[in-house]
N, C-alpha and C. Protein backbone atom coordinates (compact mmCIF):
# COMPACT_ATOMS: atom_id res chain seq x y z
N UNK A 1 -29.70 1.74 -9.06
CA UNK A 1 -29.03 1.60 -7.44
C UNK A 1 -30.13 1.52 -6.31
N UNK A 2 -29.65 0.58 -5.48
CA UNK A 2 -30.52 0.43 -3.93
C UNK A 2 -30.21 1.92 -3.30
N UNK A 3 -31.08 1.71 -2.50
CA UNK A 3 -31.25 2.84 -1.38
C UNK A 3 -30.42 2.59 0.18
N UNK A 4 -29.71 1.39 -0.21
CA UNK A 4 -28.68 1.11 0.93
C UNK A 4 -27.73 2.12 1.25
N UNK A 5 -26.94 1.89 2.12
CA UNK A 5 -25.90 2.84 2.63
C UNK A 5 -24.72 2.45 1.71
N UNK A 6 -24.77 1.30 1.30
CA UNK A 6 -23.36 0.75 0.33
C UNK A 6 -23.87 0.93 -1.07
N UNK A 7 -25.00 1.56 -1.32
CA UNK A 7 -25.42 1.53 -2.78
C UNK A 7 -24.48 2.17 -3.63
N UNK A 8 -23.70 3.19 -3.14
CA UNK A 8 -22.69 3.74 -3.93
C UNK A 8 -21.53 2.88 -4.47
N UNK A 9 -21.32 1.76 -3.72
CA UNK A 9 -20.31 0.96 -4.18
C UNK A 9 -20.58 0.18 -5.23
N UNK A 10 -20.22 0.86 -6.58
CA UNK A 10 -20.47 0.16 -7.82
C UNK A 10 -19.58 -0.68 -8.27
N UNK A 11 -19.39 -1.42 -9.35
CA UNK A 11 -18.14 -2.33 -9.57
C UNK A 11 -16.79 -1.59 -9.61
N UNK A 12 -16.79 -0.42 -10.26
CA UNK A 12 -15.76 0.31 -10.64
C UNK A 12 -15.01 0.77 -8.99
N UNK A 13 -15.92 1.16 -8.21
CA UNK A 13 -15.53 1.63 -6.89
C UNK A 13 -15.09 0.63 -6.00
N UNK A 14 -15.76 -0.50 -6.01
CA UNK A 14 -15.51 -1.68 -5.27
C UNK A 14 -13.66 -1.82 -5.82
N UNK A 15 -13.69 -2.13 -7.00
CA UNK A 15 -12.15 -2.49 -7.68
C UNK A 15 -11.12 -1.75 -6.98
N UNK A 16 -11.49 -0.25 -7.07
CA UNK A 16 -10.25 0.28 -6.59
C UNK A 16 -10.18 0.66 -5.34
N UNK A 17 -11.55 0.24 -4.43
CA UNK A 17 -11.34 0.46 -3.00
C UNK A 17 -10.71 -0.87 -2.51
N UNK A 18 -10.90 -2.13 -3.01
CA UNK A 18 -10.41 -3.43 -2.56
C UNK A 18 -9.17 -3.40 -3.09
N UNK A 19 -8.82 -3.06 -4.33
CA UNK A 19 -7.36 -3.17 -4.82
C UNK A 19 -6.29 -2.20 -4.37
N UNK A 20 -6.77 -1.03 -3.68
CA UNK A 20 -5.89 -0.03 -3.07
C UNK A 20 -5.92 -0.43 -1.91
N UNK A 21 -6.80 -1.15 -0.94
CA UNK A 21 -6.58 -1.76 0.34
C UNK A 21 -5.55 -2.88 0.54
N UNK A 22 -5.97 -3.76 -0.47
CA UNK A 22 -4.54 -4.83 -0.59
C UNK A 22 -3.21 -4.53 -0.89
N UNK A 23 -3.30 -3.40 -1.97
CA UNK A 23 -1.67 -3.13 -2.10
C UNK A 23 -1.39 -2.19 -1.02
N UNK A 24 -2.14 -1.56 -0.27
CA UNK A 24 -1.52 -0.63 1.18
C UNK A 24 -1.07 -1.57 2.05
N UNK A 25 -1.96 -2.93 2.04
CA UNK A 25 -1.45 -3.84 3.19
C UNK A 25 0.15 -4.51 2.68
N UNK A 26 0.16 -4.90 1.41
CA UNK A 26 1.46 -5.47 0.84
C UNK A 26 2.50 -4.64 0.80
N UNK A 27 2.29 -3.32 0.72
CA UNK A 27 3.41 -2.06 0.62
C UNK A 27 3.91 -2.30 2.30
N UNK A 28 2.58 -1.99 3.27
CA UNK A 28 2.85 -1.59 4.66
C UNK A 28 3.53 -3.07 5.32
N UNK A 29 3.45 -4.46 4.62
CA UNK A 29 4.23 -5.32 5.29
C UNK A 29 5.62 -5.53 4.45
N UNK A 30 5.64 -4.97 3.42
CA UNK A 30 7.00 -4.88 2.96
C UNK A 30 8.00 -3.85 3.58
N UNK A 31 7.42 -2.67 3.90
CA UNK A 31 8.12 -1.79 4.54
C UNK A 31 8.32 -2.16 6.09
N UNK A 32 7.35 -3.13 6.71
CA UNK A 32 7.67 -3.32 8.10
C UNK A 32 8.98 -4.51 8.16
N UNK A 33 8.98 -5.14 6.98
CA UNK A 33 10.00 -5.85 6.98
C UNK A 33 11.39 -5.49 6.44
N UNK A 34 11.46 -4.18 6.45
CA UNK A 34 12.79 -3.33 6.09
C UNK A 34 12.91 -3.63 4.68
N UNK A 35 11.99 -3.71 3.63
CA UNK A 35 12.40 -3.63 2.27
C UNK A 35 12.05 -2.56 1.41
N UNK A 36 13.11 -2.22 0.60
CA UNK A 36 13.06 -0.99 -0.16
C UNK A 36 12.06 -1.14 -1.46
N UNK A 37 11.21 -0.18 -2.16
CA UNK A 37 10.40 -0.48 -3.10
C UNK A 37 10.90 -1.50 -4.17
N UNK A 38 10.28 -2.64 -4.44
CA UNK A 38 10.96 -3.54 -5.36
C UNK A 38 9.63 -3.81 -6.51
N UNK A 39 10.39 -4.88 -7.06
CA UNK A 39 9.23 -5.19 -8.41
C UNK A 39 7.72 -5.44 -7.92
N UNK A 40 7.45 -6.19 -6.64
CA UNK A 40 6.16 -6.27 -6.39
C UNK A 40 5.51 -5.06 -5.98
N UNK A 41 6.03 -4.33 -4.89
CA UNK A 41 5.44 -3.18 -4.51
C UNK A 41 5.34 -2.05 -5.49
N UNK A 42 6.48 -1.93 -6.63
CA UNK A 42 6.30 -0.91 -7.65
C UNK A 42 5.39 -1.29 -8.47
N UNK A 43 5.20 -2.57 -9.16
CA UNK A 43 4.42 -3.12 -10.02
C UNK A 43 3.05 -3.07 -9.51
N UNK A 44 2.71 -3.33 -8.13
CA UNK A 44 0.98 -3.24 -7.71
C UNK A 44 0.85 -1.60 -7.75
N UNK A 45 1.79 -0.86 -7.31
CA UNK A 45 1.10 0.70 -7.29
C UNK A 45 1.24 0.90 -9.22
N UNK A 46 1.98 0.54 -9.96
CA UNK A 46 1.69 0.85 -11.23
C UNK A 46 0.19 0.35 -11.73
N UNK A 47 -0.06 -0.83 -11.25
CA UNK A 47 -1.40 -1.43 -11.59
C UNK A 47 -2.43 -0.64 -10.92
N UNK A 48 -2.13 0.04 -9.77
CA UNK A 48 -3.08 0.82 -9.05
C UNK A 48 -3.24 2.09 -10.00
N UNK A 49 -2.23 2.33 -10.42
CA UNK A 49 -2.32 3.88 -11.28
C UNK A 49 -3.04 3.41 -12.62
N UNK A 50 -2.97 2.20 -13.16
CA UNK A 50 -3.62 2.08 -14.32
C UNK A 50 -5.22 1.90 -14.14
N UNK A 51 -5.70 1.47 -12.78
CA UNK A 51 -6.81 1.10 -12.41
C UNK A 51 -7.60 2.63 -12.16
N UNK A 52 -6.82 3.48 -11.56
CA UNK A 52 -7.35 5.01 -11.33
C UNK A 52 -7.48 5.43 -12.47
N UNK A 53 -6.56 5.22 -13.36
CA UNK A 53 -6.97 6.00 -14.88
C UNK A 53 -8.12 5.34 -15.33
N UNK A 54 -8.51 4.36 -15.58
CA UNK A 54 -9.79 3.79 -15.81
C UNK A 54 -10.85 4.08 -15.06
N UNK A 55 -10.42 4.39 -13.72
CA UNK A 55 -11.71 4.85 -12.91
C UNK A 55 -12.13 6.23 -12.97
N UNK A 56 -11.26 7.15 -13.44
CA UNK A 56 -11.43 8.61 -13.69
C UNK A 56 -12.05 8.44 -15.07
N UNK A 57 -11.71 7.87 -16.06
CA UNK A 57 -12.05 7.82 -17.40
C UNK A 57 -13.66 7.36 -17.41
N UNK A 58 -14.10 6.38 -16.34
CA UNK A 58 -15.29 6.15 -16.27
C UNK A 58 -16.27 7.33 -15.74
N UNK A 59 -15.63 8.03 -14.87
CA UNK A 59 -16.52 9.32 -14.54
C UNK A 59 -16.57 10.24 -15.79
N UNK A 60 -15.48 10.68 -16.39
CA UNK A 60 -15.45 11.48 -17.37
C UNK A 60 -16.54 11.07 -18.57
N UNK A 61 -16.37 9.82 -18.79
CA UNK A 61 -17.52 8.92 -19.84
C UNK A 61 -18.81 9.37 -19.13
N UNK A 62 -19.35 9.15 -18.08
CA UNK A 62 -20.36 9.35 -17.54
C UNK A 62 -20.97 11.00 -17.80
N UNK A 63 -20.01 11.90 -17.47
CA UNK A 63 -20.43 13.17 -17.56
C UNK A 63 -20.58 13.53 -18.71
N UNK A 64 -19.74 13.31 -19.82
CA UNK A 64 -19.85 13.47 -21.37
C UNK A 64 -21.15 12.71 -22.07
N UNK A 65 -21.60 11.52 -21.35
CA UNK A 65 -22.74 11.06 -21.59
C UNK A 65 -24.16 11.82 -21.05
N UNK A 66 -23.98 12.73 -20.14
CA UNK A 66 -25.03 13.40 -20.11
C UNK A 66 -25.44 13.37 -18.39
N UNK A 67 -24.77 12.46 -17.96
CA UNK A 67 -25.09 12.29 -16.51
C UNK A 67 -24.46 13.27 -15.47
N UNK A 68 -24.86 13.84 -14.38
CA UNK A 68 -24.29 14.46 -13.43
C UNK A 68 -24.30 14.26 -12.11
N UNK A 69 -23.04 14.25 -11.43
CA UNK A 69 -23.01 14.35 -9.94
C UNK A 69 -24.22 14.69 -9.19
N UNK A 70 -24.61 13.92 -8.02
CA UNK A 70 -25.64 14.66 -7.10
C UNK A 70 -25.03 15.53 -6.27
N UNK A 71 -24.00 15.39 -5.88
CA UNK A 71 -22.90 16.39 -5.20
C UNK A 71 -22.04 17.48 -6.09
N UNK A 72 -21.54 18.26 -5.25
CA UNK A 72 -20.85 19.23 -6.09
C UNK A 72 -19.96 18.51 -7.30
N UNK A 73 -19.68 19.06 -8.52
CA UNK A 73 -19.02 18.62 -9.59
C UNK A 73 -17.48 19.03 -9.42
N UNK A 74 -17.35 20.27 -8.71
CA UNK A 74 -15.89 20.60 -8.40
C UNK A 74 -15.14 19.81 -7.46
N UNK A 75 -16.05 19.63 -6.37
CA UNK A 75 -15.50 18.34 -5.43
C UNK A 75 -15.13 17.12 -5.96
N UNK A 76 -15.88 16.57 -6.75
CA UNK A 76 -15.61 15.16 -7.22
C UNK A 76 -14.19 15.47 -8.06
N UNK A 77 -14.30 16.33 -8.99
CA UNK A 77 -13.09 16.42 -9.69
C UNK A 77 -11.87 16.55 -9.17
N UNK A 78 -12.08 17.36 -7.94
CA UNK A 78 -10.97 17.49 -7.35
C UNK A 78 -10.34 16.33 -6.55
N UNK A 79 -11.30 15.31 -5.95
CA UNK A 79 -11.07 13.90 -5.55
C UNK A 79 -10.56 13.14 -6.92
N UNK A 80 -10.98 13.33 -7.77
CA UNK A 80 -10.42 12.55 -8.99
C UNK A 80 -9.03 12.93 -9.38
N UNK A 81 -8.94 13.99 -9.46
CA UNK A 81 -7.49 14.75 -9.66
C UNK A 81 -6.42 14.26 -8.78
N UNK A 82 -6.94 14.25 -7.74
CA UNK A 82 -5.91 14.11 -6.55
C UNK A 82 -5.66 12.73 -6.64
N UNK A 83 -6.70 11.58 -6.70
CA UNK A 83 -6.19 10.13 -6.96
C UNK A 83 -5.55 9.96 -8.17
N UNK A 84 -5.75 10.49 -9.05
CA UNK A 84 -4.79 10.30 -10.39
C UNK A 84 -3.25 10.66 -10.04
N UNK A 85 -3.03 11.68 -9.30
CA UNK A 85 -1.52 11.97 -8.98
C UNK A 85 -1.20 11.24 -7.77
N UNK A 86 -1.74 10.94 -6.80
CA UNK A 86 -1.13 10.27 -5.91
C UNK A 86 -0.22 9.11 -5.84
N UNK A 87 -0.54 7.99 -6.83
CA UNK A 87 0.26 6.60 -7.14
C UNK A 87 1.60 7.31 -7.98
N UNK A 88 1.31 8.16 -9.08
CA UNK A 88 2.43 8.60 -9.68
C UNK A 88 3.42 9.26 -8.72
N UNK A 89 3.00 10.29 -7.97
CA UNK A 89 3.78 10.89 -7.18
C UNK A 89 4.72 10.11 -6.08
N UNK A 90 3.95 9.12 -5.64
CA UNK A 90 4.33 8.34 -4.82
C UNK A 90 5.49 7.40 -5.58
N UNK A 91 5.37 6.95 -6.74
CA UNK A 91 6.24 6.30 -7.50
C UNK A 91 7.52 6.90 -7.67
N UNK A 92 7.26 8.19 -8.01
CA UNK A 92 8.47 9.15 -8.07
C UNK A 92 9.35 9.29 -6.85
N UNK A 93 8.68 9.45 -5.77
CA UNK A 93 9.30 9.31 -4.42
C UNK A 93 10.19 7.81 -4.33
N UNK A 94 9.52 6.86 -4.56
CA UNK A 94 10.19 5.63 -4.44
C UNK A 94 11.38 5.30 -5.31
N UNK A 95 11.00 5.94 -6.53
CA UNK A 95 12.52 5.96 -7.43
C UNK A 95 13.58 6.93 -6.74
N UNK A 96 13.21 8.13 -6.42
CA UNK A 96 14.37 8.92 -5.93
C UNK A 96 14.96 8.79 -4.66
N UNK A 97 14.21 8.05 -3.76
CA UNK A 97 14.68 7.42 -2.48
C UNK A 97 14.16 6.38 -2.09
N UNK A 98 15.17 5.61 -2.73
CA UNK A 98 14.69 3.79 -2.62
C UNK A 98 14.94 3.28 -1.12
N UNK A 99 14.30 3.68 -0.21
CA UNK A 99 14.71 3.27 1.18
C UNK A 99 13.09 2.37 1.47
N UNK A 100 13.19 1.79 2.76
CA UNK A 100 11.98 1.28 3.27
C UNK A 100 10.59 2.31 3.66
N UNK A 101 11.22 3.47 3.55
CA UNK A 101 10.24 4.55 3.96
C UNK A 101 9.57 4.62 2.78
N UNK A 102 10.08 4.65 1.63
CA UNK A 102 9.31 5.01 0.65
C UNK A 102 8.47 3.72 0.47
N UNK A 103 8.48 2.42 0.76
CA UNK A 103 7.72 1.62 0.61
C UNK A 103 6.32 1.86 1.69
N UNK A 104 6.50 2.90 2.58
CA UNK A 104 5.49 3.05 3.62
C UNK A 104 4.61 4.15 2.79
N UNK A 105 5.47 5.01 1.75
CA UNK A 105 4.80 6.19 1.08
C UNK A 105 3.70 5.32 0.07
N UNK A 106 4.40 4.16 -0.57
CA UNK A 106 3.44 3.76 -1.32
C UNK A 106 2.43 3.12 -0.86
N UNK A 107 2.52 2.64 0.52
CA UNK A 107 1.25 2.15 1.32
C UNK A 107 0.45 3.18 1.37
N UNK A 108 0.71 4.39 1.99
CA UNK A 108 -0.09 5.36 2.21
C UNK A 108 -0.88 5.89 0.94
N UNK A 109 -0.13 6.03 -0.15
CA UNK A 109 -0.84 6.59 -1.34
C UNK A 109 -1.91 5.41 -1.74
N UNK A 110 -1.54 4.25 -1.54
CA UNK A 110 -2.63 3.24 -1.97
C UNK A 110 -3.82 3.38 -1.02
N UNK A 111 -3.56 3.39 0.11
CA UNK A 111 -4.66 3.52 1.17
C UNK A 111 -5.61 4.74 0.85
N UNK A 112 -4.81 5.99 0.62
CA UNK A 112 -5.49 7.14 0.47
C UNK A 112 -6.49 7.24 -1.03
N UNK A 113 -5.99 6.53 -1.89
CA UNK A 113 -6.54 6.40 -3.14
C UNK A 113 -7.97 5.59 -3.01
N UNK A 114 -7.64 4.46 -2.02
CA UNK A 114 -8.83 3.63 -1.95
C UNK A 114 -9.94 4.57 -1.22
N UNK A 115 -9.55 5.32 -0.24
CA UNK A 115 -10.56 6.07 0.72
C UNK A 115 -11.11 7.00 -0.22
N UNK A 116 -10.47 7.56 -1.04
CA UNK A 116 -10.72 8.91 -1.96
C UNK A 116 -11.62 8.64 -2.93
N UNK A 117 -11.24 7.33 -3.59
CA UNK A 117 -12.37 6.70 -4.51
C UNK A 117 -13.61 6.45 -3.92
N UNK A 118 -13.64 5.73 -2.73
CA UNK A 118 -15.22 5.57 -2.26
C UNK A 118 -15.70 6.85 -1.98
N UNK A 119 -15.11 7.83 -1.55
CA UNK A 119 -15.47 9.44 -1.42
C UNK A 119 -16.08 9.87 -2.82
N UNK A 120 -15.25 9.70 -3.81
CA UNK A 120 -15.86 10.08 -5.11
C UNK A 120 -17.19 9.51 -5.34
N UNK A 121 -17.22 8.08 -5.41
CA UNK A 121 -18.61 7.56 -5.52
C UNK A 121 -19.71 8.01 -4.56
N UNK A 122 -19.41 8.58 -3.39
CA UNK A 122 -20.38 9.13 -2.63
C UNK A 122 -21.00 10.41 -3.07
N UNK A 123 -19.89 11.21 -3.66
CA UNK A 123 -20.37 12.47 -4.28
C UNK A 123 -21.14 12.31 -5.36
N UNK A 124 -20.86 11.29 -6.09
CA UNK A 124 -21.49 11.09 -7.34
C UNK A 124 -23.11 10.69 -7.09
N UNK A 125 -23.18 9.71 -6.08
CA UNK A 125 -24.67 9.19 -5.74
C UNK A 125 -25.30 10.15 -4.89
N UNK A 126 -24.34 11.10 -4.09
CA UNK A 126 -25.07 12.01 -3.22
C UNK A 126 -25.43 11.29 -1.71
N UNK A 127 -24.60 10.43 -1.63
CA UNK A 127 -24.41 9.80 -0.14
C UNK A 127 -23.79 10.79 0.73
N UNK A 128 -24.30 10.90 1.77
CA UNK A 128 -23.99 12.04 2.98
C UNK A 128 -24.07 13.31 2.65
N UNK A 129 -24.93 13.59 1.69
CA UNK A 129 -24.99 15.11 1.31
C UNK A 129 -26.38 15.52 2.02
N UNK A 130 -26.21 16.87 2.71
CA UNK A 130 -27.44 17.52 3.25
C UNK A 130 -28.73 17.64 2.24
N UNK A 131 -30.05 17.21 2.85
CA UNK A 131 -31.23 16.99 2.30
C UNK A 131 -31.64 18.47 2.08
């Protein structure tokens, strides 16, 4: 890894970050247009969930392979478990209350997953940790 401030943005992190932000914008626009969760917004959120499962599996694989995060491991796994649950819980919400507000919930979940994935990578690489 390079020593720049964006050195922690490895390909899996970039995929979840960019994907989450794009999905958040799509869901936000659908909600602003008054649409309840539909095939597109639910499908994209399901794709995000699959990506998050792969993302978390990559961290599990790293740790099982002997690598350790620079930051606190408990904090890393708290972030990872949270981003695993967010899209799934948002989808349950959208199923139980199929209104335009549920589409906004999908948008917020996708945005939160994107931000928390980036923070997970920062914890792994030690970005922003006190020296």
